[in-house]
């Protein structure tokens, strides 16, 4: 069934891409394969204890991927500023991530949590983002021709996205998300009012990526992640293995991978 899905997607995308125009010469071409790798210490792996699942502990630096020698990894970011009435909820979700984090149970991560795309196909009036993710290898087709957000779309994991250029920076604004996703692994939930702004620009042969999350219903101010730089790669885009979660009922603890 999944192979059939990819066949159908390819059948729909290839004719459209073949008939589309090349990127405008007035903007940098962001097309290409990009390195996306977050490396965690091996001690983050699970192990079985008497038929139960125990999560080994790792330190905070490994958890958040802040090691400067790992290319393409997000630097640490300050926590988003939630309104006082929502801080207890964030703490509850954060303290019980292994049982409550949707991603742990094969839900789609949504944006910005999925990170930067593994492949970008840039055309004159749209960009196509392709990702590798065990939740289903999503893709996004984002118009850059000046159109407004759709008024007839249903809420979705990756929202309704439109893009435009600000000088040499591609700016993508996304709205209309389902409320089940988190925009960060620390229990960072959001409301239906969340707006995500992504910015992409060239830094030499590399690609810079920055994200801002704005949600006036639950946050006191927009939350911006530090700039991340990803490198070009020749590694092909491959189909991810199927996500199967069967360990949840056997967890010994409820924090996120026991990493506290």
Protein backbone atom coordinates (compact mmCIF):
# COMPACT_ATOMS: atom_id res chain seq x y z
CA UNK A 1 0.00 0.00 0.00
CA UNK A 2 2.80 2.42 0.86
CA UNK A 3 4.58 1.65 -2.44
CA UNK A 4 1.29 2.36 -4.24
CA UNK A 5 1.04 5.67 -2.39
CA UNK A 6 4.49 6.75 -3.56
CA UNK A 7 3.62 5.69 -7.12
CA UNK A 8 0.48 7.81 -7.07
CA UNK A 9 2.34 10.79 -5.61
CA UNK A 10 5.04 10.50 -8.26
CA UNK A 11 2.41 10.26 -10.99
CA UNK A 12 0.84 13.48 -9.76
CA UNK A 13 4.04 15.42 -9.15
CA UNK A 14 6.18 14.51 -12.16
CA UNK A 15 3.89 15.96 -14.87
CA UNK A 16 3.44 19.14 -12.86
CA UNK A 17 7.18 19.53 -12.31
CA UNK A 18 7.98 18.72 -15.92
CA UNK A 19 5.71 21.49 -17.15
CA UNK A 20 6.83 24.03 -14.59
CA UNK A 21 9.35 26.73 -15.27
CA UNK A 22 12.87 26.78 -13.87
CA UNK A 23 13.74 28.92 -10.82
CA UNK A 24 13.79 32.65 -11.43
CA UNK A 25 17.25 34.05 -12.11
CA UNK A 26 16.49 36.87 -9.68
CA UNK A 27 16.47 34.56 -6.65
CA UNK A 28 19.06 32.09 -5.30
CA UNK A 29 18.35 28.50 -6.24
CA UNK A 30 17.78 26.48 -3.05
CA UNK A 31 17.27 23.21 -4.92
CA UNK A 32 19.23 20.18 -3.85
CA UNK A 33 19.70 17.42 -1.32
CA UNK A 34 20.48 18.63 2.19
CA UNK A 35 22.06 16.89 5.14
CA UNK A 36 19.68 16.44 8.05
CA UNK A 37 21.19 14.50 10.94
CA UNK A 38 20.71 14.77 14.68
CA UNK A 39 23.18 12.50 16.43
CA UNK A 40 22.50 11.39 19.99
CA UNK A 41 24.82 9.36 22.21
CA UNK A 42 24.35 5.60 22.03
CA UNK A 43 23.29 5.63 25.68
CA UNK A 44 19.96 7.07 24.54
CA UNK A 45 18.94 3.66 23.23
CA UNK A 46 16.35 1.48 24.92
CA UNK A 47 17.07 -1.85 26.57
CA UNK A 48 14.88 -4.64 27.84
CA UNK A 49 14.75 -5.47 31.54
CA UNK A 50 12.64 -8.50 32.47
CA UNK A 51 10.37 -7.93 29.51
CA UNK A 52 9.98 -4.26 30.39
CA UNK A 53 11.37 -1.26 28.56
CA UNK A 54 13.90 0.84 30.42
CA UNK A 55 15.19 4.10 28.98
CA UNK A 56 18.84 4.86 29.64
CA UNK A 57 19.72 8.38 30.68
CA UNK A 58 21.79 10.86 28.74
CA UNK A 59 22.76 14.40 29.57
CA UNK A 60 20.95 17.51 28.40
CA UNK A 61 23.56 18.46 25.82
CA UNK A 62 23.12 15.15 24.05
CA UNK A 63 19.38 15.39 24.33
CA UNK A 64 19.12 18.74 22.64
CA UNK A 65 21.84 18.11 20.10
CA UNK A 66 23.87 21.20 20.94
CA UNK A 67 27.31 19.73 20.20
CA UNK A 68 28.97 22.13 17.80
CA UNK A 69 30.84 19.36 15.98
CA UNK A 70 27.66 17.75 14.68
CA UNK A 71 26.83 19.41 11.34
CA UNK A 72 23.23 20.36 10.75
CA UNK A 73 22.14 20.23 14.40
CA UNK A 74 20.06 22.91 16.04
CA UNK A 75 21.79 24.96 18.72
CA UNK A 76 20.00 25.05 22.05
CA UNK A 77 17.09 27.47 22.21
CA UNK A 78 15.41 29.20 25.13
CA UNK A 79 12.04 27.76 26.08
CA UNK A 80 8.98 29.43 24.58
CA UNK A 81 7.18 31.83 26.91
CA UNK A 82 3.77 30.38 27.73
CA UNK A 83 1.02 32.35 29.40
CA UNK A 84 0.80 31.61 33.15
CA UNK A 85 -2.41 29.61 32.82
CA UNK A 86 -0.72 27.14 30.44
CA UNK A 87 2.58 26.60 32.23
CA UNK A 88 1.27 23.72 34.35
CA UNK A 89 0.08 21.94 31.20
CA UNK A 90 3.49 22.31 29.55
CA UNK A 91 5.18 20.91 32.66
CA UNK A 92 2.78 17.96 32.77
CA UNK A 93 3.39 17.14 29.11
CA UNK A 94 7.14 17.57 29.53
CA UNK A 95 7.26 15.38 32.65
CA UNK A 96 5.32 12.62 30.89
CA UNK A 97 6.66 12.85 27.36
CA UNK A 98 7.22 9.14 26.78
CA UNK A 99 3.52 8.52 27.34
CA UNK A 100 2.08 11.72 25.90
CA UNK A 101 4.37 12.78 23.05
CA UNK A 102 2.44 12.12 19.81
CA UNK A 103 5.66 11.48 17.86
CA UNK A 104 6.59 8.65 20.21
CA UNK A 105 3.44 6.89 19.01
CA UNK A 106 4.01 7.39 15.28
CA UNK A 107 2.04 10.60 14.85
CA UNK A 108 3.35 13.03 12.27
CA UNK A 109 5.63 15.67 13.82
CA UNK A 110 4.31 18.61 11.85
CA UNK A 111 6.32 21.81 11.51
CA UNK A 112 8.62 23.10 12.73
CA UNK A 113 9.41 19.92 14.61
CA UNK A 114 10.20 17.89 11.50
CA UNK A 115 13.05 20.28 10.75
CA UNK A 116 14.42 21.35 7.39
CA UNK A 117 13.58 19.38 4.24
CA UNK A 118 15.92 16.70 2.93
CA UNK A 119 15.32 17.80 -0.63
CA UNK A 120 14.16 21.08 -2.15
CA UNK A 121 12.87 21.44 -5.70
CA UNK A 122 12.59 25.12 -6.55
CA UNK A 123 10.49 26.29 -9.48
CA UNK A 124 9.50 29.73 -10.68
CA UNK A 125 6.17 29.81 -8.85
CA UNK A 126 6.46 27.15 -6.15
CA UNK A 127 8.87 25.09 -4.09
CA UNK A 128 8.54 21.41 -3.24
CA UNK A 129 9.89 20.12 0.07
CA UNK A 130 10.58 16.40 0.52
CA UNK A 131 11.29 14.90 3.94
CA UNK A 132 12.48 11.61 5.41
CA UNK A 133 10.40 10.66 8.42
CA UNK A 134 9.11 7.34 9.75
CA UNK A 135 5.64 8.86 10.09
CA UNK A 136 5.25 8.66 6.31
CA UNK A 137 7.89 10.66 4.37
CA UNK A 138 5.79 13.80 3.91
CA UNK A 139 6.09 16.38 1.18
CA UNK A 140 4.92 19.98 0.85
CA UNK A 141 4.11 21.93 -2.32
CA UNK A 142 4.35 25.62 -1.45
CA UNK A 143 3.26 28.35 -3.88
CA UNK A 144 5.51 31.41 -4.15
CA UNK A 145 3.44 33.37 -6.67
CA UNK A 146 1.90 35.80 -4.19
CA UNK A 147 -1.36 33.99 -3.53
CA UNK A 148 -3.05 34.20 -0.12
CA UNK A 149 -3.77 31.35 2.28
CA UNK A 150 -6.63 29.10 1.29
CA UNK A 151 -9.94 29.66 3.04
CA UNK A 152 -11.38 26.23 2.25
CA UNK A 153 -8.61 23.96 3.57
CA UNK A 154 -9.00 21.65 6.54
CA UNK A 155 -6.49 21.78 9.42
CA UNK A 156 -3.51 19.53 8.77
CA UNK A 157 -0.21 18.41 10.31
CA UNK A 158 1.87 20.67 8.07
CA UNK A 159 -0.63 23.47 7.70
CA UNK A 160 -1.50 25.66 4.76
CA UNK A 161 1.73 27.21 3.48
CA UNK A 162 2.46 30.12 1.16
CA UNK A 163 5.86 31.58 0.34
CA UNK A 164 7.42 34.79 -0.89
CA UNK A 165 10.88 36.24 -1.34
CA UNK A 166 12.43 38.96 0.79
CA UNK A 167 15.61 39.84 -1.09
CA UNK A 168 17.62 36.57 -1.12
CA UNK A 169 15.55 34.90 1.62
CA UNK A 170 12.66 32.54 0.98
CA UNK A 171 9.97 33.17 3.61
CA UNK A 172 7.24 30.58 4.15
CA UNK A 173 4.23 31.28 6.36
CA UNK A 174 2.05 28.38 7.49
CA UNK A 175 -1.29 28.38 9.32
CA UNK A 176 -4.29 26.11 9.93
CA UNK A 177 -2.67 23.26 11.86
CA UNK A 178 -4.25 20.36 13.71
CA UNK A 179 -3.82 20.91 17.44
CA UNK A 180 -2.44 17.45 18.25
CA UNK A 181 1.17 18.19 17.24
CA UNK A 182 3.90 19.68 19.42
CA UNK A 183 6.28 22.24 17.97
CA UNK A 184 9.03 21.03 20.32
CA UNK A 185 9.76 17.87 22.29
CA UNK A 186 9.50 19.50 25.71
CA UNK A 187 5.70 19.40 25.67
CA UNK A 188 5.48 22.51 23.53
CA UNK A 189 1.82 22.28 22.55
CA UNK A 190 0.00 24.90 20.49
CA UNK A 191 -3.49 26.10 19.66
CA UNK A 192 -5.35 26.42 16.37
CA UNK A 193 -3.98 29.96 16.11
CA UNK A 194 -0.34 28.88 15.63
CA UNK A 195 1.51 30.53 12.76
CA UNK A 196 4.92 29.21 11.71
CA UNK A 197 7.34 31.34 9.69
CA UNK A 198 10.30 29.58 8.06
CA UNK A 199 13.21 31.39 6.45
CA UNK A 200 15.73 29.84 4.05
CA UNK A 201 18.78 31.47 2.51
CA UNK A 202 22.14 30.50 1.08
CA UNK A 203 25.36 30.76 3.05
CA UNK A 204 27.93 29.87 0.43
CA UNK A 205 27.16 26.32 -0.63
CA UNK A 206 25.19 25.71 2.57
CA UNK A 207 21.57 26.42 3.46
CA UNK A 208 20.55 28.51 6.47
CA UNK A 209 17.21 27.77 8.11
CA UNK A 210 15.36 29.68 10.83
CA UNK A 211 11.90 29.23 12.32
CA UNK A 212 9.58 31.47 14.33
CA UNK A 213 6.44 30.17 16.06
CA UNK A 214 3.71 32.66 16.93
CA UNK A 215 0.64 31.57 18.88
CA UNK A 216 -1.11 34.47 20.64
CA UNK A 217 -3.59 32.12 22.33
CA UNK A 218 -0.96 30.33 24.43
CA UNK A 219 2.35 32.24 24.08
CA UNK A 220 3.22 35.65 25.46
CA UNK A 221 5.63 36.33 22.58
CA UNK A 222 6.80 34.66 19.35
CA UNK A 223 9.41 31.93 19.79
CA UNK A 224 12.37 31.92 17.40
CA UNK A 225 14.87 29.09 17.09
CA UNK A 226 18.54 29.88 16.46
CA UNK A 227 19.69 29.78 12.86
CA UNK A 228 20.61 26.32 11.69
CA UNK A 229 23.01 25.68 8.80
CA UNK A 230 22.64 22.46 6.82
CA UNK A 231 25.11 21.19 4.26
CA UNK A 232 24.57 19.85 0.74
CA UNK A 233 24.87 16.10 0.39
CA UNK A 234 24.88 13.37 -2.22
CA UNK A 235 23.00 10.96 0.04
CA UNK A 236 19.82 9.94 -1.82
CA UNK A 237 16.38 10.45 -0.40
CA UNK A 238 15.22 7.02 0.75
CA UNK A 239 11.94 5.62 1.95
CA UNK A 240 11.84 5.47 5.73
CA UNK A 241 10.96 2.25 7.56
CA UNK A 242 7.45 1.87 8.82
CA UNK A 243 6.85 3.33 12.26
CA UNK A 244 5.61 0.67 14.68
CA UNK A 245 5.20 1.49 18.37
CA UNK A 246 4.62 -1.38 20.80
CA UNK A 247 6.66 -0.35 23.84
CA UNK A 248 4.37 2.29 25.32
CA UNK A 249 2.40 -0.02 27.65
CA UNK A 250 5.67 -1.45 29.04
CA UNK A 251 7.45 1.78 29.89
CA UNK A 252 8.90 1.88 33.39
CA UNK A 253 8.95 5.65 33.50
CA UNK A 254 6.92 8.39 31.87
CA UNK A 255 9.48 11.11 31.13
CA UNK A 256 10.81 11.54 27.60
CA UNK A 257 13.20 8.60 27.05
CA UNK A 258 14.26 8.86 30.70
CA UNK A 259 16.55 11.73 29.83
CA UNK A 260 16.05 13.88 32.92
